[in-house]
Structure formats: structure tokens, C-alpha cells
N, C-alpha and C. Protein backbone atom coordinates (compact mmCIF):
# COMPACT_ATOMS: atom_id res chain seq x y z
N MET A 1 88.23 85.50 109.62
CA MET A 1 87.53 84.16 109.45
C MET A 1 87.44 83.39 108.28
N LYS A 2 87.78 83.92 107.23
CA LYS A 2 87.80 83.64 105.98
C LYS A 2 89.29 83.02 105.62
N HIS A 3 90.25 83.50 106.37
CA HIS A 3 91.34 82.96 106.13
C HIS A 3 91.46 81.47 107.12
N LYS A 4 90.86 81.66 108.11
CA LYS A 4 90.72 80.47 108.95
C LYS A 4 90.34 79.13 108.44
N TYR A 5 89.21 79.14 107.71
CA TYR A 5 87.95 78.50 107.31
C TYR A 5 88.39 78.30 105.65
N LEU A 6 88.19 79.25 105.08
CA LEU A 6 88.37 79.03 103.57
C LEU A 6 89.73 78.85 103.13
N ASN A 7 90.84 79.06 103.82
CA ASN A 7 92.44 79.09 103.03
C ASN A 7 92.14 79.48 102.02
N PHE A 8 92.12 80.83 101.43
CA PHE A 8 92.03 81.23 100.04
C PHE A 8 90.82 80.43 99.03
N ASN A 9 90.10 79.67 99.49
CA ASN A 9 89.40 78.99 98.36
C ASN A 9 87.83 79.60 98.54
N SER A 10 86.90 79.44 97.72
CA SER A 10 85.71 79.57 97.92
C SER A 10 84.86 78.81 98.76
N LEU A 11 83.60 79.11 99.24
CA LEU A 11 82.75 78.20 100.16
C LEU A 11 82.57 77.04 99.46
N PHE A 12 82.61 76.88 98.15
CA PHE A 12 82.14 75.57 97.58
C PHE A 12 83.25 74.51 96.85
N GLU A 13 84.33 75.55 97.16
CA GLU A 13 85.66 74.46 96.90
C GLU A 13 86.47 74.09 98.29
N CYS A 14 86.26 74.53 99.44
CA CYS A 14 87.17 74.37 100.61
C CYS A 14 86.84 72.70 100.97
N GLN A 15 87.66 72.19 101.67
CA GLN A 15 87.26 70.83 102.24
C GLN A 15 87.13 70.71 103.89
N ILE A 16 86.33 70.04 104.07
CA ILE A 16 85.82 69.97 105.65
C ILE A 16 87.18 69.27 106.25
N LYS A 17 87.47 70.16 107.54
CA LYS A 17 89.01 69.52 107.99
C LYS A 17 88.15 69.17 109.55
N SER A 18 89.15 68.26 109.85
CA SER A 18 88.60 67.64 111.49
C SER A 18 89.01 68.90 112.44
N SER A 19 89.38 69.64 112.22
CA SER A 19 89.68 70.99 113.30
C SER A 19 88.45 71.81 113.13
N ASP A 20 87.75 71.97 112.10
CA ASP A 20 86.79 72.72 111.79
C ASP A 20 85.69 72.84 113.21
N SER A 21 84.96 73.99 113.28
CA SER A 21 83.92 74.02 114.21
C SER A 21 82.70 73.08 113.92
N PRO A 22 81.68 72.51 114.87
CA PRO A 22 80.56 71.94 114.22
C PRO A 22 79.84 72.55 113.37
N ILE A 23 79.90 74.05 113.63
CA ILE A 23 78.97 74.67 112.99
C ILE A 23 79.46 74.80 111.42
N TRP A 24 80.62 75.17 111.44
CA TRP A 24 81.32 75.19 110.13
C TRP A 24 81.06 74.16 109.43
N LYS A 25 81.45 72.63 109.88
CA LYS A 25 81.27 71.52 109.22
C LYS A 25 79.68 71.41 108.58
N SER A 26 78.80 72.05 109.52
CA SER A 26 77.15 71.71 108.82
C SER A 26 77.09 72.74 108.04
N VAL A 27 77.70 73.71 107.90
CA VAL A 27 77.38 74.84 106.80
C VAL A 27 78.26 73.97 105.52
N LEU A 28 79.03 73.23 105.62
CA LEU A 28 79.70 72.72 104.24
C LEU A 28 78.73 71.61 103.87
N LYS A 29 78.20 70.85 104.88
CA LYS A 29 77.33 69.82 104.48
C LYS A 29 76.40 70.19 103.84
N ASN A 30 75.72 71.48 104.05
CA ASN A 30 74.68 72.04 103.62
C ASN A 30 74.99 72.77 102.28
N ARG A 31 75.97 72.81 101.46
CA ARG A 31 76.25 73.65 100.62
C ARG A 31 75.36 73.51 99.49
N VAL A 32 74.92 72.19 99.10
CA VAL A 32 74.00 72.14 98.10
C VAL A 32 72.83 72.83 98.20
N LEU A 33 72.02 72.86 99.51
CA LEU A 33 71.04 73.70 99.78
C LEU A 33 71.34 75.46 99.63
N LEU A 34 72.49 75.75 100.14
CA LEU A 34 72.94 77.04 99.82
C LEU A 34 72.84 77.59 98.30
N ARG A 35 73.74 76.59 97.53
CA ARG A 35 73.88 76.96 96.18
C ARG A 35 72.49 77.11 95.36
N LYS A 36 71.58 76.27 95.68
CA LYS A 36 70.37 76.54 95.30
C LYS A 36 69.36 78.12 95.50
N GLY A 37 69.83 78.67 96.49
CA GLY A 37 69.83 79.88 96.82
C GLY A 37 70.19 81.18 96.61
N ILE A 38 71.54 80.86 95.97
CA ILE A 38 72.54 82.06 95.54
C ILE A 38 72.26 82.38 94.35
N ARG A 39 72.38 83.54 94.19
CA ARG A 39 72.50 84.40 93.07
C ARG A 39 73.70 85.21 92.61
N TRP A 40 74.21 84.75 91.46
CA TRP A 40 75.73 85.55 91.16
C TRP A 40 75.23 86.98 90.91
N ASN A 41 76.57 87.82 91.43
CA ASN A 41 76.30 89.27 91.11
C ASN A 41 77.73 89.20 89.86
N VAL A 42 77.09 89.15 88.61
CA VAL A 42 78.03 88.94 87.58
C VAL A 42 78.99 90.25 87.21
N GLY A 43 78.22 91.49 87.62
CA GLY A 43 78.96 92.63 87.56
C GLY A 43 79.73 92.51 86.01
N LYS A 44 81.07 92.74 85.91
CA LYS A 44 81.55 92.75 84.56
C LYS A 44 81.80 91.49 83.90
N GLY A 45 81.63 90.33 84.92
CA GLY A 45 82.01 88.99 84.37
C GLY A 45 83.20 88.58 84.02
N ASP A 46 84.38 89.41 84.36
CA ASP A 46 85.82 89.12 84.38
C ASP A 46 86.38 87.95 85.26
N ARG A 47 85.49 87.86 86.34
CA ARG A 47 86.00 86.90 87.16
C ARG A 47 85.18 85.46 87.29
N ILE A 48 84.12 85.33 86.19
CA ILE A 48 83.53 83.92 86.21
C ILE A 48 83.72 83.39 85.20
N MET A 49 84.22 82.20 84.89
CA MET A 49 84.24 81.13 84.17
C MET A 49 83.02 80.86 83.18
N CYS A 50 82.99 81.26 82.21
CA CYS A 50 81.57 81.10 81.20
C CYS A 50 81.21 79.55 81.52
N TRP A 51 82.04 78.55 81.10
CA TRP A 51 81.57 77.32 81.05
C TRP A 51 81.32 76.65 82.26
N TRP A 52 81.96 76.86 83.17
CA TRP A 52 82.44 75.81 84.60
C TRP A 52 81.45 76.40 85.65
N ASP A 53 81.32 77.94 85.90
CA ASP A 53 80.87 78.44 87.08
C ASP A 53 79.58 78.11 87.07
N ASN A 54 78.71 78.02 87.99
CA ASN A 54 77.35 78.01 88.04
C ASN A 54 76.48 79.21 88.12
N TRP A 55 76.84 80.28 87.32
CA TRP A 55 76.47 81.66 87.18
C TRP A 55 75.35 81.78 86.70
N CYS A 56 74.93 81.15 85.70
CA CYS A 56 73.44 81.20 84.79
C CYS A 56 72.40 80.01 85.37
N ASP A 57 71.52 80.45 85.82
CA ASP A 57 70.09 79.84 86.05
C ASP A 57 70.52 78.76 87.15
N ASN A 58 71.64 79.03 88.18
CA ASN A 58 72.30 78.09 89.02
C ASN A 58 72.81 76.87 88.58
N ALA A 59 73.70 76.75 87.34
CA ALA A 59 73.77 75.70 86.45
C ALA A 59 75.02 76.36 85.87
N ASN A 60 75.99 75.61 85.36
CA ASN A 60 77.08 75.98 84.34
C ASN A 60 76.66 75.61 82.71
N LEU A 61 77.33 76.48 81.83
CA LEU A 61 76.82 76.39 80.43
C LEU A 61 76.98 75.11 80.12
N VAL A 62 77.88 74.31 80.31
CA VAL A 62 78.22 73.17 79.56
C VAL A 62 76.86 72.04 80.02
N ASP A 63 76.52 72.02 81.32
CA ASP A 63 75.28 71.43 81.49
C ASP A 63 73.81 71.95 80.92
N LEU A 64 73.91 73.27 81.10
CA LEU A 64 72.51 73.67 80.65
C LEU A 64 72.55 73.96 79.04
N LEU A 65 73.73 73.91 78.48
CA LEU A 65 73.37 73.75 76.89
C LEU A 65 73.81 72.28 76.43
N GLY A 66 74.10 71.34 77.22
CA GLY A 66 74.26 70.05 76.90
C GLY A 66 75.61 69.91 76.08
N LEU A 67 76.81 70.40 76.43
CA LEU A 67 77.73 70.58 75.49
C LEU A 67 78.68 69.20 76.15
N ASP A 68 79.52 68.75 74.96
CA ASP A 68 80.58 67.68 75.27
C ASP A 68 81.54 68.72 75.90
N ILE A 69 82.23 68.22 76.76
CA ILE A 69 83.65 68.96 77.46
C ILE A 69 84.79 69.19 76.34
N ALA A 70 84.82 67.86 75.62
CA ALA A 70 86.10 67.96 74.77
C ALA A 70 85.87 68.94 73.48
N SER A 71 84.35 69.34 73.35
CA SER A 71 84.16 70.20 72.25
C SER A 71 84.57 71.60 72.39
N ILE A 72 84.63 71.72 73.93
CA ILE A 72 84.87 73.24 74.13
C ILE A 72 86.21 73.85 73.60
N GLN A 73 86.41 74.80 72.90
CA GLN A 73 87.55 75.16 72.43
C GLN A 73 88.38 76.34 72.97
N ASN A 74 87.59 76.94 74.10
CA ASN A 74 88.18 78.05 74.90
C ASN A 74 87.76 77.75 76.27
N PRO A 75 88.49 76.96 77.13
CA PRO A 75 88.08 76.42 78.35
C PRO A 75 88.12 77.76 79.38
N GLU A 76 88.97 78.53 78.82
CA GLU A 76 89.33 79.68 79.72
C GLU A 76 88.22 80.86 79.83
N LEU A 77 87.17 80.82 78.79
CA LEU A 77 86.30 81.86 78.45
C LEU A 77 85.73 82.40 79.68
N ARG A 78 85.50 84.00 79.82
CA ARG A 78 85.02 84.57 80.96
C ARG A 78 83.65 85.11 80.57
N VAL A 79 82.48 85.10 81.48
CA VAL A 79 81.59 85.58 81.30
C VAL A 79 81.67 87.07 80.43
N SER A 80 82.68 87.90 80.63
CA SER A 80 82.65 89.28 80.15
C SER A 80 83.07 89.10 78.47
N ASP A 81 83.45 87.69 78.25
CA ASP A 81 83.73 87.79 76.77
C ASP A 81 82.62 87.52 75.95
N ILE A 82 81.33 87.17 76.54
CA ILE A 82 80.10 87.07 75.74
C ILE A 82 79.05 87.89 76.09
N ILE A 83 79.15 88.87 76.89
CA ILE A 83 78.18 89.74 77.60
C ILE A 83 78.49 91.47 76.93
N THR A 84 77.30 92.25 76.50
CA THR A 84 77.79 93.45 76.10
C THR A 84 77.90 94.08 77.27
N ASN A 85 78.25 95.72 76.89
CA ASN A 85 78.25 96.49 77.81
C ASN A 85 77.04 96.79 79.03
N ASP A 86 75.98 96.41 78.03
CA ASP A 86 74.72 96.85 78.68
C ASP A 86 74.28 95.39 79.41
N LYS A 87 75.15 94.61 79.87
CA LYS A 87 74.81 93.29 80.29
C LYS A 87 73.91 92.24 79.79
N CYS A 88 73.82 92.12 78.36
CA CYS A 88 73.11 91.16 77.51
C CYS A 88 73.77 90.74 77.15
N TRP A 89 73.34 89.18 76.45
CA TRP A 89 74.10 88.45 75.63
C TRP A 89 74.74 89.27 74.49
N ASP A 90 75.95 88.92 74.19
CA ASP A 90 76.33 89.56 72.71
C ASP A 90 76.31 88.17 72.02
N ILE A 91 75.16 88.25 70.95
CA ILE A 91 74.81 87.15 70.31
C ILE A 91 75.83 86.88 69.05
N ASP A 92 76.39 87.93 68.46
CA ASP A 92 77.51 87.90 67.42
C ASP A 92 78.50 86.84 67.81
N LYS A 93 79.08 87.29 69.26
CA LYS A 93 80.07 86.45 69.60
C LYS A 93 79.81 84.86 70.19
N ILE A 94 78.52 84.87 70.60
CA ILE A 94 78.38 83.82 70.81
C ILE A 94 77.84 82.56 69.74
N ARG A 95 77.67 83.28 68.60
CA ARG A 95 77.39 82.33 67.54
C ARG A 95 78.86 81.80 67.06
N LEU A 96 79.69 82.56 67.21
CA LEU A 96 81.37 82.14 66.88
C LEU A 96 81.76 80.92 67.65
N ILE A 97 81.15 80.66 68.96
CA ILE A 97 81.46 79.46 69.79
C ILE A 97 80.44 78.21 69.88
N VAL A 98 79.14 78.57 69.50
CA VAL A 98 78.27 77.65 69.92
C VAL A 98 77.16 77.45 68.83
N THR A 99 76.77 76.50 68.37
CA THR A 99 75.84 76.08 67.25
C THR A 99 74.32 77.19 67.35
N CYS A 100 73.83 76.93 66.09
CA CYS A 100 72.71 77.74 66.14
C CYS A 100 71.30 77.77 67.09
N ARG A 101 71.54 76.22 67.49
CA ARG A 101 70.36 75.69 68.31
C ARG A 101 70.69 76.22 69.84
N ARG A 102 72.00 75.73 69.91
CA ARG A 102 72.51 76.38 71.32
C ARG A 102 72.37 78.06 71.56
N VAL A 103 72.45 78.44 70.53
CA VAL A 103 72.47 80.12 70.52
C VAL A 103 70.84 80.37 70.93
N SER A 104 70.00 79.68 70.33
CA SER A 104 68.45 80.06 70.89
C SER A 104 68.02 79.53 72.20
N LEU A 105 68.88 78.39 72.67
CA LEU A 105 68.80 77.95 74.19
C LEU A 105 69.40 79.46 75.16
N LEU A 106 70.49 79.74 74.83
CA LEU A 106 71.07 80.78 75.43
C LEU A 106 70.16 82.12 75.64
N ARG A 107 69.31 82.25 74.52
CA ARG A 107 68.41 83.62 74.55
C ARG A 107 67.50 83.48 75.28
N GLY A 108 66.85 82.14 75.61
CA GLY A 108 65.99 81.67 76.32
C GLY A 108 66.16 81.86 77.72
N LEU A 109 67.49 81.88 78.29
CA LEU A 109 67.82 81.89 79.62
C LEU A 109 68.01 83.25 80.18
N ILE A 110 67.09 83.47 81.28
CA ILE A 110 66.84 84.86 81.86
C ILE A 110 68.30 85.32 82.38
N PHE A 111 68.75 86.10 81.76
CA PHE A 111 70.36 86.79 82.14
C PHE A 111 70.09 88.40 82.38
N CYS A 112 69.60 88.83 81.17
CA CYS A 112 69.59 90.52 81.26
C CYS A 112 68.96 91.02 82.45
N VAL A 113 67.62 90.59 82.55
CA VAL A 113 66.74 91.12 83.54
C VAL A 113 67.37 90.88 84.93
N ALA A 114 67.97 89.57 85.16
CA ALA A 114 68.36 89.14 86.52
C ALA A 114 69.86 90.19 86.83
N LEU A 115 70.31 90.42 85.57
CA LEU A 115 71.36 91.04 85.95
C LEU A 115 71.05 92.57 86.41
N GLN A 116 70.23 93.22 85.75
CA GLN A 116 69.76 94.44 86.08
C GLN A 116 69.39 94.73 87.49
N THR A 117 68.62 93.55 88.10
CA THR A 117 68.32 93.84 89.42
C THR A 117 69.50 93.49 90.46
N LEU A 118 70.60 92.84 90.09
CA LEU A 118 71.75 92.63 90.91
C LEU A 118 72.61 93.76 90.72
N LEU A 119 72.91 94.30 89.96
CA LEU A 119 73.86 95.46 89.69
C LEU A 119 73.25 97.07 90.61
């Protein structure tokens, strides 16, 4: 089923095709609602794009932190690059890539508690 409908894409990246079933088309049309209720299982964080994926508080960090896309020096940064082995923010690493004000914003995001319940 995954190969038939997703064609190696994620649910949020695939396009509606005319050959899709009515039920599948309905699922795709309601992805916005699905995304609101989905919580990420971060795990090691090595498969999640830090800036672009909606892994933290159902939004991406570019939007949450109010970053200018042009200012991002490492667009390929993974979540695993900014969390500790204990699944908490690695504040020392984060300070190297965002301003002090944005570090404070990140600290306010509920991340560690949510991860512990997911893992």
C-alpha cells in the first residue's frame, strides 16, 4: 500500500493523482488536520531535519524562532546535532548556531518531557 500510494514519499509530500481511490484522496485533502494531531518520535534525531521538519511543537524551527532562511548557515542540520544523549537540548551547541534570545526561546519549547513519553 505504501508503494502504491506514497511512491517512496512521506504522507505530507505525496501528490494527489487521478488514479487514487476516493478514500485516499480524502486523507490527502485532510493532511492539515492530521498534522495537528501527529507527534514526532524523535528517537536519535538523525532522520529529522532540524530547521525544516515540523518536529517541535508541530512547527519547524525556522518559523518558531522567527529565523531568516538566508541566515541559516547549516541547512542540513539534523536534530541529533543539537540534542544530548539524554534527549535534551544541547545548549552549548545551540549557542553556536543561534542568538542568545533564540536560545531562550528554544529552552521554553517542551522537548525533553515529550521525548521521554514517546521513547
